Amino acid sequence: MNTLPCQGCKGLCCGPVPITEKERTNIHKKLKAIPKKLRENLEQQPRFSGTCIFYDMNKDQCGIHSFRPEICRMFGYYEDLVCFRKPELATKGKVTMKEKYIGLLSIDFTWKDFR
């Protein structure tokens, strides 16, 4: 399976990220299991405007990759979520979500909502 060329993008494609209530709850729960120092490091990083609050600018990768939202898992593989660096990977049709979004990371939900 081909993978996305995410290194070097600095999160420009990562946000704002819509999340469901279930995802918000899961992220909140899983964040508590991350060592405090790592959480604080991630929280204090400056980011480009609109970039997901969980994007790790220092490591140039998702800071919550193992429990990232479903929309992030779909990115690059659906025609309405195309990666500009590798658009040929978007071989699936339009995204259809079963659950309703409750807001956007970085806009409606910030780090204060996950403490």
C-alpha atoms as a PDB file:
ATOM      1  CA  MET A   1       0.000   0.000   0.000  1.00  0.00           C
ATOM      2  CA  ASN A   2       1.265   3.453  -0.870  1.00  0.00           C
ATOM      3  CA  THR A   3       1.644   5.919   1.951  1.00  0.00           C
ATOM      4  CA  LEU A   4       1.299   9.662   2.112  1.00  0.00           C
ATOM      5  CA  PRO A   5       4.443  11.834   1.944  1.00  0.00           C
ATOM      6  CA  CYS A   6       3.682  13.680   5.169  1.00  0.00           C
ATOM      7  CA  GLN A   7       7.228  14.529   6.244  1.00  0.00           C
ATOM      8  CA  GLY A   8       8.053  18.107   5.363  1.00  0.00           C
ATOM      9  CA  CYS A   9       4.495  19.448   5.249  1.00  0.00           C
ATOM     10  CA  LYS A  10       4.559  20.890   8.791  1.00  0.00           C
ATOM     11  CA  GLY A  11       0.871  20.111   9.193  1.00  0.00           C
ATOM     12  CA  LEU A  12      -0.386  22.369   6.416  1.00  0.00           C
ATOM     13  CA  CYS A  13      -3.017  19.731   5.522  1.00  0.00           C
ATOM     14  CA  CYS A  14      -3.830  18.986   9.157  1.00  0.00           C
ATOM     15  CA  GLY A  15      -6.650  21.262  10.040  1.00  0.00           C
ATOM     16  CA  PRO A  16      -8.998  22.416  10.990  1.00  0.00           C
ATOM     17  CA  VAL A  17     -10.064  18.868  11.855  1.00  0.00           C
ATOM     18  CA  PRO A  18     -13.765  18.035  12.377  1.00  0.00           C
ATOM     19  CA  ILE A  19     -14.457  15.569  15.201  1.00  0.00           C
ATOM     20  CA  THR A  20     -17.418  13.630  16.530  1.00  0.00           C
ATOM     21  CA  GLU A  21     -18.478  13.382  20.165  1.00  0.00           C
ATOM     22  CA  LYS A  22     -17.115   9.840  20.322  1.00  0.00           C
ATOM     23  CA  GLU A  23     -13.729  11.011  18.987  1.00  0.00           C
ATOM     24  CA  ARG A  24     -13.606  13.930  21.437  1.00  0.00           C
ATOM     25  CA  THR A  25     -14.227  11.538  24.324  1.00  0.00           C
ATOM     26  CA  ASN A  26     -11.626   9.059  23.058  1.00  0.00           C
ATOM     27  CA  ILE A  27      -8.974  11.751  22.530  1.00  0.00           C
ATOM     28  CA  HIS A  28      -9.619  13.171  26.002  1.00  0.00           C
ATOM     29  CA  LYS A  29      -9.285   9.715  27.579  1.00  0.00           C
ATOM     30  CA  LYS A  30      -6.140   8.737  25.640  1.00  0.00           C
ATOM     31  CA  LEU A  31      -4.414  12.090  26.247  1.00  0.00           C
ATOM     32  CA  LYS A  32      -4.545  11.418  29.980  1.00  0.00           C
ATOM     33  CA  ALA A  33      -2.411   8.302  29.405  1.00  0.00           C
ATOM     34  CA  ILE A  34       0.364  10.247  27.652  1.00  0.00           C
ATOM     35  CA  PRO A  35       3.213  11.271  29.968  1.00  0.00           C
ATOM     36  CA  LYS A  36       2.645  14.794  31.285  1.00  0.00           C
ATOM     37  CA  LYS A  37       5.920  16.127  29.869  1.00  0.00           C
ATOM     38  CA  LEU A  38       5.046  14.937  26.333  1.00  0.00           C
ATOM     39  CA  ARG A  39       1.541  16.402  26.613  1.00  0.00           C
ATOM     40  CA  GLU A  40       2.886  19.757  27.793  1.00  0.00           C
ATOM     41  CA  ASN A  41       5.506  19.825  25.031  1.00  0.00           C
ATOM     42  CA  LEU A  42       2.820  19.200  22.418  1.00  0.00           C
ATOM     43  CA  GLU A  43       0.462  21.767  23.933  1.00  0.00           C
ATOM     44  CA  GLN A  44       3.046  24.562  24.077  1.00  0.00           C
ATOM     45  CA  GLN A  45       4.213  24.352  20.472  1.00  0.00           C
ATOM     46  CA  PRO A  46       3.461  27.243  18.141  1.00  0.00           C
ATOM     47  CA  ARG A  47       1.556  26.169  15.022  1.00  0.00           C
ATOM     48  CA  PHE A  48       0.385  27.683  11.774  1.00  0.00           C
ATOM     49  CA  SER A  49      -3.082  29.224  12.047  1.00  0.00           C
ATOM     50  CA  GLY A  50      -5.769  26.548  11.662  1.00  0.00           C
ATOM     51  CA  THR A  51      -3.335  23.640  12.047  1.00  0.00           C
ATOM     52  CA  CYS A  52      -4.630  20.895  14.345  1.00  0.00           C
ATOM     53  CA  ILE A  53      -3.772  21.447  17.990  1.00  0.00           C
ATOM     54  CA  PHE A  54      -2.340  17.924  18.137  1.00  0.00           C
ATOM     55  CA  TYR A  55       0.080  18.325  15.251  1.00  0.00           C
ATOM     56  CA  ASP A  56       3.637  17.997  16.572  1.00  0.00           C
ATOM     57  CA  MET A  57       5.582  20.722  14.761  1.00  0.00           C
ATOM     58  CA  ASN A  58       8.877  19.633  16.332  1.00  0.00           C
ATOM     59  CA  LYS A  59       8.593  16.067  15.037  1.00  0.00           C
ATOM     60  CA  ASP A  60       6.640  17.014  11.879  1.00  0.00           C
ATOM     61  CA  GLN A  61       3.968  14.407  12.560  1.00  0.00           C
ATOM     62  CA  CYS A  62       0.653  13.807  14.271  1.00  0.00           C
ATOM     63  CA  GLY A  63       1.024  13.917  18.043  1.00  0.00           C
ATOM     64  CA  ILE A  64      -1.959  11.584  18.541  1.00  0.00           C
ATOM     65  CA  HIS A  65      -1.493   9.358  15.489  1.00  0.00           C
ATOM     66  CA  SER A  66      -2.609   6.101  17.149  1.00  0.00           C
ATOM     67  CA  PHE A  67      -5.949   7.643  18.199  1.00  0.00           C
ATOM     68  CA  ARG A  68      -6.393  10.377  15.570  1.00  0.00           C
ATOM     69  CA  PRO A  69      -9.903  11.174  14.248  1.00  0.00           C
ATOM     70  CA  GLU A  70     -11.413   9.120  11.440  1.00  0.00           C
ATOM     71  CA  ILE A  71     -11.240  12.025   8.982  1.00  0.00           C
ATOM     72  CA  CYS A  72      -7.445  12.046   9.434  1.00  0.00           C
ATOM     73  CA  ARG A  73      -7.315   8.322   8.689  1.00  0.00           C
ATOM     74  CA  MET A  74      -9.221   8.966   5.445  1.00  0.00           C
ATOM     75  CA  PHE A  75      -7.113  11.905   4.305  1.00  0.00           C
ATOM     76  CA  GLY A  76      -5.349  11.382   1.007  1.00  0.00           C
ATOM     77  CA  TYR A  77      -7.378   8.340   0.003  1.00  0.00           C
ATOM     78  CA  TYR A  78     -10.731   9.999  -0.833  1.00  0.00           C
ATOM     79  CA  GLU A  79     -11.436  12.315  -3.764  1.00  0.00           C
ATOM     80  CA  ASP A  80     -12.549  15.176  -1.518  1.00  0.00           C
ATOM     81  CA  LEU A  81      -9.549  14.781   0.836  1.00  0.00           C
ATOM     82  CA  VAL A  82      -6.699  14.754  -1.676  1.00  0.00           C
ATOM     83  CA  CYS A  83      -3.052  15.118  -0.672  1.00  0.00           C
ATOM     84  CA  PHE A  84      -1.597  17.795  -2.948  1.00  0.00           C
ATOM     85  CA  ARG A  85       1.771  16.000  -2.989  1.00  0.00           C
ATOM     86  CA  LYS A  86       0.395  12.607  -3.983  1.00  0.00           C
ATOM     87  CA  PRO A  87      -3.127  13.049  -5.435  1.00  0.00           C
ATOM     88  CA  GLU A  88      -3.015   9.674  -7.214  1.00  0.00           C
ATOM     89  CA  LEU A  89      -3.643   7.950  -3.857  1.00  0.00           C
ATOM     90  CA  ALA A  90      -7.184   9.355  -3.750  1.00  0.00           C
ATOM     91  CA  THR A  91      -8.845   6.324  -5.317  1.00  0.00           C
ATOM     92  CA  LYS A  92     -11.973   6.239  -3.157  1.00  0.00           C
ATOM     93  CA  GLY A  93     -15.160   8.264  -3.688  1.00  0.00           C
ATOM     94  CA  LYS A  94     -16.637  10.994  -1.516  1.00  0.00           C
ATOM     95  CA  VAL A  95     -16.390  10.800   2.257  1.00  0.00           C
ATOM     96  CA  THR A  96     -19.603   9.934   4.044  1.00  0.00           C
ATOM     97  CA  MET A  97     -19.630  10.083   7.811  1.00  0.00           C
ATOM     98  CA  LYS A  98     -22.038   8.089   9.947  1.00  0.00           C
ATOM     99  CA  GLU A  99     -21.726  10.307  12.996  1.00  0.00           C
ATOM    100  CA  LYS A 100     -22.332  14.040  13.168  1.00  0.00           C
ATOM    101  CA  TYR A 101     -19.404  16.392  13.706  1.00  0.00           C
ATOM    102  CA  ILE A 102     -19.597  18.466  16.875  1.00  0.00           C
ATOM    103  CA  GLY A 103     -16.847  20.927  16.063  1.00  0.00           C
ATOM    104  CA  LEU A 104     -13.348  21.569  14.769  1.00  0.00           C
ATOM    105  CA  LEU A 105     -10.030  21.012  16.518  1.00  0.00           C
ATOM    106  CA  SER A 106      -8.173  24.339  16.771  1.00  0.00           C
ATOM    107  CA  ILE A 107     -11.376  26.366  16.426  1.00  0.00           C
ATOM    108  CA  ASP A 108     -14.180  24.887  18.536  1.00  0.00           C
ATOM    109  CA  PHE A 109     -11.912  22.671  20.650  1.00  0.00           C
ATOM    110  CA  THR A 110      -8.553  23.789  21.987  1.00  0.00           C
ATOM    111  CA  TRP A 111      -6.166  22.350  24.550  1.00  0.00           C
ATOM    112  CA  LYS A 112      -8.258  23.746  27.424  1.00  0.00           C
ATOM    113  CA  ASP A 113     -11.063  21.387  26.372  1.00  0.00           C
ATOM    114  CA  PHE A 114      -8.800  18.353  26.799  1.00  0.00           C
ATOM    115  CA  ARG A 115      -7.303  19.030  30.243  1.00  0.00           C
END
